[in-house]
Protein backbone atom coordinates (compact mmCIF):
# COMPACT_ATOMS: atom_id res chain seq x y z
CA UNK A 1 0.00 0.00 0.00
CA UNK A 2 2.83 2.41 0.81
CA UNK A 3 4.49 1.62 -2.53
CA UNK A 4 1.24 2.44 -4.34
CA UNK A 5 0.96 5.80 -2.56
CA UNK A 6 4.60 6.66 -3.35
CA UNK A 7 4.07 5.73 -7.01
CA UNK A 8 0.94 7.88 -7.18
CA UNK A 9 2.82 10.79 -5.63
CA UNK A 10 5.65 10.43 -8.16
CA UNK A 11 3.17 10.34 -11.06
CA UNK A 12 1.29 13.41 -9.84
CA UNK A 13 4.34 15.45 -8.81
CA UNK A 14 4.98 17.08 -12.21
CA UNK A 15 1.47 18.61 -12.15
CA UNK A 16 1.41 19.39 -8.46
CA UNK A 17 3.97 22.19 -8.81
CA UNK A 18 1.58 24.08 -11.08
CA UNK A 19 -1.91 25.36 -10.45
CA UNK A 20 -3.88 23.12 -12.77
CA UNK A 21 -6.69 24.46 -14.92
CA UNK A 22 -9.37 22.06 -16.16
CA UNK A 23 -11.08 23.29 -19.33
CA UNK A 24 -14.17 21.83 -20.98
CA UNK A 25 -13.13 22.14 -24.60
CA UNK A 26 -16.38 20.88 -26.11
CA UNK A 27 -19.58 19.49 -24.67
CA UNK A 28 -18.02 16.03 -24.54
CA UNK A 29 -14.32 16.47 -23.75
CA UNK A 30 -12.07 18.26 -21.29
CA UNK A 31 -8.35 18.67 -20.78
CA UNK A 32 -6.29 19.87 -17.81
CA UNK A 33 -3.64 22.51 -18.42
CA UNK A 34 -0.66 22.86 -16.11
CA UNK A 35 -1.27 26.62 -15.82
CA UNK A 36 -4.00 29.03 -16.88
CA UNK A 37 -4.13 29.03 -20.71
CA UNK A 38 -4.79 31.93 -23.04
CA UNK A 39 -7.82 31.40 -25.28
CA UNK A 40 -8.31 32.60 -28.86
CA UNK A 41 -10.88 31.99 -31.57
CA UNK A 42 -9.80 32.40 -35.19
CA UNK A 43 -11.38 31.79 -38.56
CA UNK A 44 -9.06 29.55 -40.60
CA UNK A 45 -9.40 28.63 -44.29
CA UNK A 46 -8.58 24.99 -44.93
CA UNK A 47 -8.09 23.59 -48.40
CA UNK A 48 -10.30 20.49 -48.13
CA UNK A 49 -13.07 21.65 -45.80
CA UNK A 50 -13.34 25.42 -46.23
CA UNK A 51 -13.44 28.00 -43.45
CA UNK A 52 -13.60 26.79 -39.85
CA UNK A 53 -13.68 28.50 -36.48
CA UNK A 54 -10.70 27.27 -34.48
CA UNK A 55 -10.70 27.46 -30.70
CA UNK A 56 -7.13 27.51 -29.34
CA UNK A 57 -5.73 27.38 -25.81
CA UNK A 58 -2.06 28.16 -25.26
CA UNK A 59 0.11 28.22 -22.16
CA UNK A 60 3.83 28.68 -21.93
CA UNK A 61 6.69 29.13 -19.55
CA UNK A 62 10.45 29.35 -20.07
CA UNK A 63 10.94 25.65 -20.81
CA UNK A 64 7.63 24.60 -22.37
CA UNK A 65 4.84 25.69 -24.66
CA UNK A 66 1.56 23.79 -24.81
CA UNK A 67 -1.02 24.42 -27.50
CA UNK A 68 -4.44 22.84 -27.83
CA UNK A 69 -6.77 23.55 -30.77
CA UNK A 70 -10.13 22.23 -31.82
CA UNK A 71 -12.55 22.89 -34.64
CA UNK A 72 -15.61 21.31 -36.16
CA UNK A 73 -15.28 19.59 -39.52
CA UNK A 74 -18.36 20.16 -41.70
CA UNK A 75 -20.52 17.03 -41.94
CA UNK A 76 -19.97 14.83 -44.97
CA UNK A 77 -16.47 16.26 -45.54
CA UNK A 78 -15.18 12.70 -45.48
CA UNK A 79 -16.93 9.52 -46.51
CA UNK A 80 -14.34 6.95 -45.36
CA UNK A 81 -12.00 6.42 -42.44
CA UNK A 82 -9.10 6.57 -44.89
CA UNK A 83 -10.09 10.12 -45.93
CA UNK A 84 -10.28 11.18 -42.25
CA UNK A 85 -6.90 9.56 -41.55
CA UNK A 86 -5.27 11.23 -44.56
CA UNK A 87 -6.69 14.63 -43.56
CA UNK A 88 -5.21 14.34 -40.05
CA UNK A 89 -1.92 13.05 -41.44
CA UNK A 90 -1.82 15.98 -43.88
CA UNK A 91 -2.34 18.43 -41.00
CA UNK A 92 0.62 16.90 -39.15
CA UNK A 93 2.86 17.14 -42.22
CA UNK A 94 1.69 20.71 -42.84
CA UNK A 95 2.55 21.76 -39.27
CA UNK A 96 5.96 20.13 -39.61
CA UNK A 97 6.75 21.82 -42.94
CA UNK A 98 5.61 25.19 -41.61
CA UNK A 99 7.42 25.05 -38.25
CA UNK A 100 10.33 22.64 -38.74
CA UNK A 101 11.11 22.13 -42.42
CA UNK A 102 13.65 19.38 -43.03
CA UNK A 103 13.46 17.91 -39.53
CA UNK A 104 12.72 14.21 -39.15
CA UNK A 105 9.06 13.62 -38.38
CA UNK A 106 7.89 10.40 -36.71
CA UNK A 107 4.17 9.52 -36.78
CA UNK A 108 2.42 6.55 -35.23
CA UNK A 109 -1.18 5.49 -34.67
CA UNK A 110 -2.74 5.78 -31.23
CA UNK A 111 -6.13 5.13 -29.72
CA UNK A 112 -8.18 6.78 -26.99
CA UNK A 113 -11.05 4.55 -25.95
CA UNK A 114 -12.25 3.42 -29.39
CA UNK A 115 -11.21 6.65 -31.12
CA UNK A 116 -8.31 6.46 -33.54
CA UNK A 117 -5.67 9.18 -33.61
CA UNK A 118 -2.08 9.91 -34.47
CA UNK A 119 0.85 10.95 -32.34
CA UNK A 120 3.84 12.71 -33.83
CA UNK A 121 7.17 14.07 -32.74
CA UNK A 122 10.13 15.82 -34.27
CA UNK A 123 13.30 13.80 -33.83
CA UNK A 124 16.13 15.72 -32.18
CA UNK A 125 19.67 14.95 -31.12
CA UNK A 126 19.16 17.07 -28.01
CA UNK A 127 18.72 15.22 -24.73
CA UNK A 128 15.72 16.07 -22.58
CA UNK A 129 13.89 17.66 -25.50
CA UNK A 130 10.32 17.01 -26.71
CA UNK A 131 8.52 18.52 -29.67
CA UNK A 132 5.37 16.80 -30.85
CA UNK A 133 1.71 16.26 -30.36
CA UNK A 134 -1.45 14.27 -30.94
CA UNK A 135 -4.44 14.64 -33.21
CA UNK A 136 -7.88 13.04 -33.11
CA UNK A 137 -10.94 13.39 -35.34
CA UNK A 138 -13.92 12.42 -33.19
CA UNK A 139 -17.51 12.87 -34.34
CA UNK A 140 -16.64 15.66 -36.80
CA UNK A 141 -14.48 17.49 -34.25
CA UNK A 142 -10.69 17.82 -34.62
CA UNK A 143 -8.60 17.88 -31.43
CA UNK A 144 -4.95 18.90 -31.81
CA UNK A 145 -2.34 18.82 -29.04
CA UNK A 146 1.06 20.32 -29.71
CA UNK A 147 3.91 20.90 -27.30
CA UNK A 148 7.55 21.83 -26.96
CA UNK A 149 9.47 21.11 -23.75
CA UNK A 150 13.07 21.18 -22.52
CA UNK A 151 14.11 19.16 -19.47
CA UNK A 152 12.69 15.98 -18.00
CA UNK A 153 10.41 17.81 -15.55
CA UNK A 154 8.77 19.85 -18.32
CA UNK A 155 8.52 16.81 -20.61
CA UNK A 156 6.59 15.06 -17.82
CA UNK A 157 4.28 18.10 -17.58
CA UNK A 158 3.57 17.78 -21.33
CA UNK A 159 2.92 14.04 -21.10
CA UNK A 160 0.57 14.58 -18.17
CA UNK A 161 -1.25 17.27 -20.18
CA UNK A 162 -1.65 14.94 -23.18
CA UNK A 163 -3.01 12.19 -20.94
CA UNK A 164 -5.51 14.56 -19.27
CA UNK A 165 -7.73 14.56 -22.38
CA UNK A 166 -10.91 12.83 -21.22
CA UNK A 167 -14.38 12.19 -22.49
CA UNK A 168 -17.03 13.56 -20.16
CA UNK A 169 -19.79 11.05 -19.57
CA UNK A 170 -23.03 13.01 -19.78
Foldseek 3Di string as FASTA:
>chain_A
DVVVVVVVCVLCVLLVVADKDWDAPDPWKIFIASYAWDWDWDWDQDDQQGIWIKIKTWDDDDFKIKIKIKTFGDPPSDDDVVVVQVVQVVVQVVVCCVPPNPFDKDKDWDDDPNWIKIWMWTDDPDPQWTWIWIWTQDPRMIMIITMIGHHPSVVSSSVNRRVRMDTDDD
